[in-house]
N, C-alpha and C. Protein backbone atom coordinates (compact mmCIF):
# COMPACT_ATOMS: atom_id res chain seq x y z
N MET A 1 111.53 107.81 192.17
CA MET A 1 111.29 106.51 191.25
C MET A 1 110.13 107.59 190.13
N HIS A 2 110.67 107.02 188.65
CA HIS A 2 109.79 107.64 187.94
C HIS A 2 108.69 106.58 187.58
N SER A 3 107.85 107.10 186.79
CA SER A 3 106.96 106.56 185.52
C SER A 3 106.61 106.65 184.59
N ASN A 4 106.14 105.83 183.70
CA ASN A 4 106.15 106.26 182.40
C ASN A 4 104.48 106.33 181.92
N ARG A 5 103.73 106.78 183.19
CA ARG A 5 102.68 107.51 183.19
C ARG A 5 103.02 108.76 182.59
N LYS A 6 101.43 109.06 181.64
CA LYS A 6 101.61 110.83 181.08
C LYS A 6 100.40 111.59 181.81
N VAL A 7 101.21 112.34 182.34
CA VAL A 7 100.23 113.07 183.01
C VAL A 7 99.78 114.62 182.19
N CYS A 8 98.83 115.04 182.99
CA CYS A 8 98.21 116.11 181.75
C CYS A 8 97.21 116.89 182.77
N CYS A 9 98.06 118.39 182.35
CA CYS A 9 97.67 119.28 183.51
C CYS A 9 96.45 120.08 182.55
N LEU A 10 95.21 119.94 183.76
CA LEU A 10 93.85 120.59 182.88
C LEU A 10 93.87 121.94 183.24
N LYS A 11 93.88 123.33 182.54
CA LYS A 11 93.92 124.32 182.88
C LYS A 11 92.38 124.55 182.62
N PRO A 12 92.03 125.87 183.28
CA PRO A 12 90.78 126.56 182.73
C PRO A 12 90.83 126.61 180.97
N TYR A 13 89.21 126.01 180.69
CA TYR A 13 88.98 125.61 179.23
C TYR A 13 87.61 126.93 178.89
N SER A 14 88.31 127.08 177.63
CA SER A 14 87.23 128.36 176.77
C SER A 14 87.34 127.81 175.89
N ILE A 15 86.13 127.93 174.98
CA ILE A 15 85.93 127.42 173.61
C ILE A 15 86.35 128.34 172.54
N ASP A 16 86.88 129.84 173.24
CA ASP A 16 87.57 130.28 172.01
C ASP A 16 89.49 130.15 172.27
N GLU A 17 89.55 129.88 173.40
CA GLU A 17 91.50 129.76 173.49
C GLU A 17 91.82 128.91 172.13
N PRO A 18 92.94 129.12 171.74
CA PRO A 18 93.87 128.26 170.80
C PRO A 18 93.91 126.63 171.50
N GLU A 19 94.24 125.77 170.71
CA GLU A 19 94.01 124.61 170.88
C GLU A 19 95.18 124.38 172.22
N PHE A 20 95.32 123.56 173.29
CA PHE A 20 96.37 123.58 174.23
C PHE A 20 96.23 121.97 174.10
N SER A 21 97.30 121.46 174.20
CA SER A 21 97.33 120.46 174.81
C SER A 21 98.95 119.82 175.48
N CYS A 22 98.49 119.16 176.83
CA CYS A 22 99.76 119.08 177.64
C CYS A 22 100.49 117.99 177.28
N TYR A 23 100.30 116.90 176.36
CA TYR A 23 101.24 116.08 175.77
C TYR A 23 100.89 115.74 174.12
N PRO A 24 101.77 114.97 173.75
CA PRO A 24 101.44 114.74 172.46
C PRO A 24 100.16 113.37 171.98
N PHE A 25 99.20 113.36 171.42
CA PHE A 25 97.82 112.36 171.47
C PHE A 25 98.49 111.06 171.48
N HIS A 26 97.94 110.97 173.12
CA HIS A 26 97.90 109.80 173.36
C HIS A 26 96.78 108.66 172.72
N MET A 27 95.31 108.89 172.57
CA MET A 27 94.52 108.08 172.12
C MET A 27 93.66 108.76 171.63
N GLU A 28 92.81 107.71 170.39
CA GLU A 28 91.57 108.33 169.57
C GLU A 28 90.25 108.22 170.50
N VAL A 29 89.27 109.45 170.66
CA VAL A 29 88.19 109.49 170.96
C VAL A 29 86.74 109.81 170.09
N LEU A 30 86.03 107.99 169.98
CA LEU A 30 85.11 109.15 169.05
C LEU A 30 83.71 109.34 169.91
N ILE A 31 83.49 110.86 169.08
CA ILE A 31 82.69 110.95 170.26
C ILE A 31 81.00 111.12 169.49
N ALA A 32 80.17 110.78 169.60
CA ALA A 32 78.70 110.27 169.37
C ALA A 32 77.87 111.28 169.36
N ASP A 33 77.30 111.92 168.84
CA ASP A 33 76.06 113.11 169.63
C ASP A 33 75.64 113.73 168.62
N ASP A 34 74.07 113.70 168.19
CA ASP A 34 73.68 114.60 167.19
C ASP A 34 73.70 115.69 167.06
N GLU A 35 73.88 116.50 168.53
CA GLU A 35 73.81 118.09 168.25
C GLU A 35 75.40 118.53 167.91
N PRO A 36 75.39 119.28 167.30
CA PRO A 36 76.81 119.60 166.48
C PRO A 36 77.65 120.61 167.37
N VAL A 37 76.95 121.27 167.77
CA VAL A 37 77.86 121.84 168.88
C VAL A 37 78.46 121.25 170.05
N LEU A 38 77.77 120.38 170.38
CA LEU A 38 78.23 119.74 171.47
C LEU A 38 79.24 118.54 171.24
N ARG A 39 79.10 118.16 169.81
CA ARG A 39 80.48 117.32 169.17
C ARG A 39 81.50 118.65 169.37
N ARG A 40 81.14 119.73 168.95
CA ARG A 40 82.54 120.62 168.71
C ARG A 40 83.43 120.70 170.22
N VAL A 41 82.34 120.63 170.92
CA VAL A 41 82.93 121.26 172.33
C VAL A 41 83.30 120.13 173.24
N LEU A 42 82.65 118.75 172.71
CA LEU A 42 83.60 117.79 173.18
C LEU A 42 84.53 117.32 172.91
N ALA A 43 84.70 117.73 171.27
CA ALA A 43 85.89 117.24 171.05
C ALA A 43 87.22 118.31 171.29
N ARG A 44 86.62 119.78 171.29
CA ARG A 44 87.97 120.47 172.00
C ARG A 44 88.51 120.12 173.42
N MET A 45 87.40 119.78 174.27
CA MET A 45 88.07 119.25 175.33
C MET A 45 88.87 118.01 175.21
N VAL A 46 88.31 117.27 174.52
CA VAL A 46 89.30 115.88 174.55
C VAL A 46 90.87 116.58 174.21
N GLU A 47 90.70 116.99 172.58
CA GLU A 47 91.92 117.49 172.23
C GLU A 47 92.49 118.36 173.50
N ARG A 48 92.17 118.85 174.65
CA ARG A 48 93.12 119.73 175.65
C ARG A 48 93.01 119.04 176.53
N LEU A 49 92.94 117.63 176.18
CA LEU A 49 92.99 116.67 177.05
C LEU A 49 94.76 115.83 176.59
N GLY A 50 95.07 116.07 175.53
CA GLY A 50 96.16 115.41 174.38
C GLY A 50 95.69 114.39 173.67
N HIS A 51 94.20 114.12 173.69
CA HIS A 51 94.15 112.85 172.75
C HIS A 51 93.43 113.92 171.81
N ARG A 52 92.94 112.28 170.67
CA ARG A 52 92.64 112.73 169.22
C ARG A 52 91.20 112.63 169.42
N ALA A 53 89.99 113.64 169.10
CA ALA A 53 88.99 113.34 168.38
C ALA A 53 88.37 113.04 167.65
N LEU A 54 87.55 112.27 167.27
CA LEU A 54 86.70 111.65 166.39
C LEU A 54 85.23 112.07 166.52
N THR A 55 84.32 111.93 165.53
CA THR A 55 83.15 112.34 165.79
C THR A 55 82.58 112.13 164.93
N ALA A 56 80.62 111.51 165.28
CA ALA A 56 79.91 110.82 164.39
C ALA A 56 78.16 111.47 164.82
N GLY A 57 77.91 111.97 163.83
CA GLY A 57 76.03 112.66 164.06
C GLY A 57 75.06 111.78 163.89
N ASP A 58 75.30 111.05 163.51
CA ASP A 58 74.43 109.85 163.57
C ASP A 58 74.83 108.10 163.35
N GLY A 59 73.89 107.67 163.82
CA GLY A 59 74.20 105.64 163.87
C GLY A 59 75.33 105.39 162.76
N ARG A 60 75.27 105.27 161.58
CA ARG A 60 75.71 105.11 160.64
C ARG A 60 77.24 105.65 160.03
N SER A 61 77.46 106.64 160.32
CA SER A 61 78.52 107.21 160.86
C SER A 61 79.06 106.77 161.59
N LEU A 62 78.43 106.75 163.26
CA LEU A 62 79.74 105.97 164.09
C LEU A 62 79.69 104.56 163.77
N THR A 63 79.38 104.27 163.13
CA THR A 63 79.54 102.38 162.87
C THR A 63 80.60 102.55 162.15
N GLU A 64 80.44 103.39 161.18
CA GLU A 64 81.99 103.60 159.73
C GLU A 64 83.02 103.85 160.27
N ALA A 65 82.80 105.13 161.05
CA ALA A 65 84.27 105.91 161.69
C ALA A 65 84.65 104.51 162.97
N PHE A 66 83.80 103.79 163.49
CA PHE A 66 84.56 102.95 164.90
C PHE A 66 85.10 101.84 164.01
N ALA A 67 84.34 101.31 162.61
CA ALA A 67 85.69 100.21 162.02
C ALA A 67 86.51 100.89 161.20
N GLN A 68 86.79 102.18 161.04
CA GLN A 68 88.11 102.51 160.06
C GLN A 68 88.64 102.89 161.33
N ALA A 69 88.57 103.93 161.85
CA ALA A 69 89.76 104.55 163.37
C ALA A 69 89.95 103.22 164.31
N ASN A 70 89.04 102.11 164.67
CA ASN A 70 89.46 101.54 165.69
C ASN A 70 89.95 102.44 167.04
N PRO A 71 89.00 103.45 167.55
CA PRO A 71 89.07 103.98 168.90
C PRO A 71 89.25 103.23 169.73
N ALA A 72 90.28 104.24 171.04
CA ALA A 72 90.38 103.43 172.63
C ALA A 72 89.39 103.68 173.04
N VAL A 73 88.13 104.43 172.79
CA VAL A 73 86.95 105.26 173.49
C VAL A 73 86.27 105.29 173.03
N VAL A 74 84.94 104.95 172.98
CA VAL A 74 84.01 106.33 172.21
C VAL A 74 82.50 106.57 173.15
N LEU A 75 82.42 107.91 172.95
CA LEU A 75 81.28 108.46 174.14
C LEU A 75 80.61 108.88 173.01
N CYS A 76 79.19 108.08 173.73
CA CYS A 76 77.93 108.27 172.94
C CYS A 76 77.01 108.49 173.41
N ASP A 77 75.85 109.55 172.78
CA ASP A 77 74.62 109.96 173.87
C ASP A 77 73.35 108.89 173.54
N VAL A 78 72.95 108.89 174.72
CA VAL A 78 72.28 107.71 174.90
C VAL A 78 70.90 108.15 173.89
N ASN A 79 70.42 109.55 173.50
CA ASN A 79 69.13 109.64 172.57
C ASN A 79 70.45 110.10 171.39
N PHE A 80 70.40 109.45 170.83
CA PHE A 80 71.36 109.90 169.50
C PHE A 80 70.74 109.71 168.11
N GLY A 81 69.68 111.08 168.31
CA GLY A 81 68.90 111.52 167.22
C GLY A 81 67.45 110.61 167.61
N ALA A 82 67.04 109.71 166.64
CA ALA A 82 66.19 108.94 166.31
C ALA A 82 65.87 107.35 166.83
N GLU A 83 67.89 107.17 167.04
CA GLU A 83 68.53 105.86 167.28
C GLU A 83 68.80 106.16 169.12
N ASP A 84 68.80 104.07 169.16
CA ASP A 84 69.53 104.21 170.90
C ASP A 84 70.94 104.41 171.23
N GLY A 85 71.78 104.91 171.34
CA GLY A 85 72.80 105.02 171.59
C GLY A 85 73.28 103.83 172.60
N ILE A 86 72.40 103.55 173.63
CA ILE A 86 72.58 101.85 173.71
C ILE A 86 73.22 100.48 173.65
N ALA A 87 71.89 100.84 172.54
CA ALA A 87 71.90 99.79 171.85
C ALA A 87 72.90 99.50 170.33
N LEU A 88 73.21 100.73 169.85
CA LEU A 88 74.30 101.28 168.99
C LEU A 88 75.50 100.46 169.77
N CYS A 89 75.97 101.03 171.19
CA CYS A 89 77.39 101.03 171.46
C CYS A 89 77.32 99.02 172.22
N ARG A 90 76.10 99.00 172.42
CA ARG A 90 75.81 97.32 172.92
C ARG A 90 76.48 96.63 171.30
N ASP A 91 76.59 97.04 170.29
CA ASP A 91 76.33 96.05 168.88
C ASP A 91 77.37 95.98 168.70
N LEU A 92 78.34 97.31 168.67
CA LEU A 92 79.58 97.64 168.37
C LEU A 92 80.58 96.88 169.71
N LYS A 93 80.10 96.77 170.61
CA LYS A 93 80.99 95.78 172.04
C LYS A 93 81.11 94.69 171.57
N ALA A 94 79.82 94.06 170.86
CA ALA A 94 79.56 92.66 170.28
C ALA A 94 80.19 92.07 169.36
N ARG A 95 80.80 93.08 168.70
CA ARG A 95 82.13 92.83 167.41
C ARG A 95 83.37 92.39 168.38
N GLY A 96 83.75 92.33 169.50
CA GLY A 96 84.88 92.05 170.19
C GLY A 96 85.90 93.10 170.28
N THR A 97 85.50 94.00 170.25
CA THR A 97 86.31 95.35 170.57
C THR A 97 87.17 95.61 171.70
N ARG A 98 88.56 96.08 171.46
CA ARG A 98 89.08 96.04 173.07
C ARG A 98 88.73 97.78 173.53
N ALA A 99 87.64 98.23 172.24
CA ALA A 99 87.68 99.76 172.92
C ALA A 99 86.62 99.70 174.05
N SER A 100 86.85 101.17 175.14
CA SER A 100 85.82 101.25 175.84
C SER A 100 85.20 102.31 175.86
N PHE A 101 83.80 101.78 176.28
CA PHE A 101 82.48 102.59 175.82
C PHE A 101 81.86 103.74 177.52
N ALA A 102 81.58 104.99 177.10
CA ALA A 102 81.33 105.78 177.58
C ALA A 102 79.67 106.05 177.27
N ILE A 103 78.76 106.46 178.30
CA ILE A 103 77.64 106.68 177.65
C ILE A 103 77.21 108.08 178.17
N MET A 104 76.78 108.74 177.25
CA MET A 104 76.22 110.19 178.01
C MET A 104 74.62 110.59 177.62
N THR A 105 74.40 111.17 179.30
CA THR A 105 72.81 111.52 179.13
C THR A 105 72.88 112.60 179.69
N GLY A 106 71.37 113.24 179.50
CA GLY A 106 70.94 114.36 180.27
C GLY A 106 70.10 114.08 181.96
N ASP A 107 69.76 112.64 181.41
CA ASP A 107 68.88 112.50 182.68
C ASP A 107 68.90 111.33 183.52
N ALA A 108 68.58 111.47 184.83
CA ALA A 108 68.90 109.88 185.58
C ALA A 108 68.59 108.57 185.42
N ASP A 109 67.10 108.80 184.60
CA ASP A 109 66.27 107.74 184.25
C ASP A 109 67.28 106.75 182.85
N SER A 110 67.56 107.12 182.29
CA SER A 110 68.50 107.27 180.96
C SER A 110 70.26 107.11 181.40
N ALA A 111 70.78 107.10 182.72
CA ALA A 111 71.57 106.71 182.68
C ALA A 111 71.70 105.60 183.85
N ILE A 112 70.29 105.45 184.65
CA ILE A 112 70.14 103.72 185.31
C ILE A 112 70.02 103.48 183.96
N ARG A 113 69.58 103.24 182.97
CA ARG A 113 69.26 102.42 182.21
C ARG A 113 70.51 101.88 181.53
N ALA A 114 71.37 102.71 180.94
CA ALA A 114 72.69 102.28 180.61
C ALA A 114 73.87 101.33 181.47
N ARG A 115 73.59 102.12 182.88
CA ARG A 115 73.94 101.13 183.93
C ARG A 115 73.60 100.13 183.85
N SER A 116 71.96 99.95 183.85
CA SER A 116 71.93 98.51 183.60
C SER A 116 72.04 97.33 182.30
N ALA A 117 72.42 98.59 181.40
CA ALA A 117 73.09 97.45 180.30
C ALA A 117 73.99 97.39 179.97
N GLY A 118 75.30 97.71 181.74
CA GLY A 118 76.58 96.96 181.54
C GLY A 118 77.29 97.96 181.39
N PHE A 119 76.89 99.52 181.06
CA PHE A 119 78.04 100.40 180.65
C PHE A 119 78.28 101.00 181.98
N GLU A 120 79.26 101.10 182.80
CA GLU A 120 79.98 101.48 183.83
C GLU A 120 79.88 102.78 184.07
N THR A 121 80.75 103.52 183.10
CA THR A 121 80.93 104.70 182.72
C THR A 121 79.68 105.14 182.22
N VAL A 122 78.99 106.58 182.83
CA VAL A 122 77.95 107.33 182.60
C VAL A 122 78.10 108.84 182.74
N LEU A 123 78.74 109.61 182.13
CA LEU A 123 78.65 110.99 182.10
C LEU A 123 77.11 111.57 181.71
N LEU A 124 76.59 112.96 182.92
CA LEU A 124 75.72 113.12 183.37
C LEU A 124 76.13 114.54 182.54
N LYS A 125 75.55 115.25 181.62
CA LYS A 125 75.46 116.37 181.01
C LYS A 125 74.92 117.65 182.00
N PRO A 126 75.35 118.75 181.56
CA PRO A 126 76.52 118.99 181.02
C PRO A 126 77.74 118.89 181.45
N ILE A 127 78.59 118.29 180.95
CA ILE A 127 80.04 117.67 180.86
C ILE A 127 81.17 118.54 181.04
N THR A 128 81.80 118.52 182.60
CA THR A 128 82.74 119.48 182.85
C THR A 128 83.97 118.63 182.07
N PRO A 129 85.44 119.99 181.51
CA PRO A 129 86.70 119.50 181.62
C PRO A 129 86.86 118.27 182.54
N GLN A 130 86.38 118.96 183.85
CA GLN A 130 87.14 117.82 185.12
C GLN A 130 86.52 116.24 184.90
N GLN A 131 84.79 116.23 184.51
CA GLN A 131 84.55 115.09 184.94
C GLN A 131 85.27 114.43 183.64
N LEU A 132 85.11 115.28 182.19
CA LEU A 132 85.70 114.60 180.91
C LEU A 132 87.18 113.81 181.31
N GLY A 133 87.93 114.24 182.12
CA GLY A 133 89.48 114.02 181.75
C GLY A 133 89.66 112.87 183.18
N GLU A 134 88.52 112.99 184.33
CA GLU A 134 88.32 111.65 184.65
C GLU A 134 87.79 110.61 184.67
N ALA A 135 86.75 110.85 183.38
CA ALA A 135 86.26 109.40 182.74
C ALA A 135 87.36 109.09 182.29
N LEU A 136 88.06 109.39 181.35
CA LEU A 136 88.88 109.21 179.88
C LEU A 136 89.98 108.46 180.96
N ALA A 137 90.55 108.59 181.95
CA ALA A 137 91.84 107.86 182.33
C ALA A 137 90.95 106.97 183.12
N GLY A 138 89.96 107.28 183.37
CA GLY A 138 89.14 106.02 184.12
C GLY A 138 89.12 104.66 183.11
N LEU A 139 88.80 105.07 181.70
CA LEU A 139 88.75 104.10 181.04
C LEU A 139 90.10 103.84 180.13
N ASP A 140 91.20 104.80 180.03
CA ASP A 140 92.67 104.39 179.56
C ASP A 140 93.34 104.25 181.04
N PRO A 141 94.06 103.38 181.56
CA PRO A 141 94.87 102.92 182.52
C PRO A 141 96.28 103.36 182.34
N GLY A 142 96.30 104.23 181.25
CA GLY A 142 97.93 104.55 181.06
C GLY A 142 97.99 105.84 181.07
N ALA A 143 96.93 106.56 181.75
CA ALA A 143 97.04 107.69 181.77
C ALA A 143 96.65 107.87 183.15
N SER A 144 97.21 109.48 183.50
CA SER A 144 96.84 110.10 184.93
C SER A 144 96.75 111.50 184.74
N TYR A 145 95.63 112.28 185.45
CA TYR A 145 95.17 113.23 185.65
C TYR A 145 95.00 113.99 186.93
N PRO A 146 96.23 114.89 186.72
CA PRO A 146 95.43 115.39 188.54
C PRO A 146 94.26 115.76 189.00
N GLN A 147 93.97 115.67 190.02
CA GLN A 147 93.05 116.17 190.86
C GLN A 147 92.98 117.61 191.24
N GLY A 148 92.00 118.44 191.14
CA GLY A 148 91.85 119.99 191.65
C GLY A 148 92.79 120.96 191.05
């Protein structure tokens, strides 16, 4: 029996490798982090998983990109410069969007705070390609990523 689900093969990741996509663009993922290097690395990982990556470096650009692109998923850092990523995402969710949200953080206390605020998907930094793939598969029920 054949399925309409798309399967992505996750190969070993290197920032220096040429772009690789297992299948054509599947969904738009908006990455919000104030660290430019981390935004770039996460964008490459998202693209290698077959998705289109959009990035935002501050709250204003996050709000603008969200309004313009209407992404399927938003990955947002808790400590987003001087702004609170949880509060920003809560405000975006309040707009009645269908987007899914994942909070990224480097500490357990912020992860607990994000979960308490209603965000089920919390990624602890450093984020591996496998963790990102699993999180995106959980946020997008139409995608399937092999384990292992």
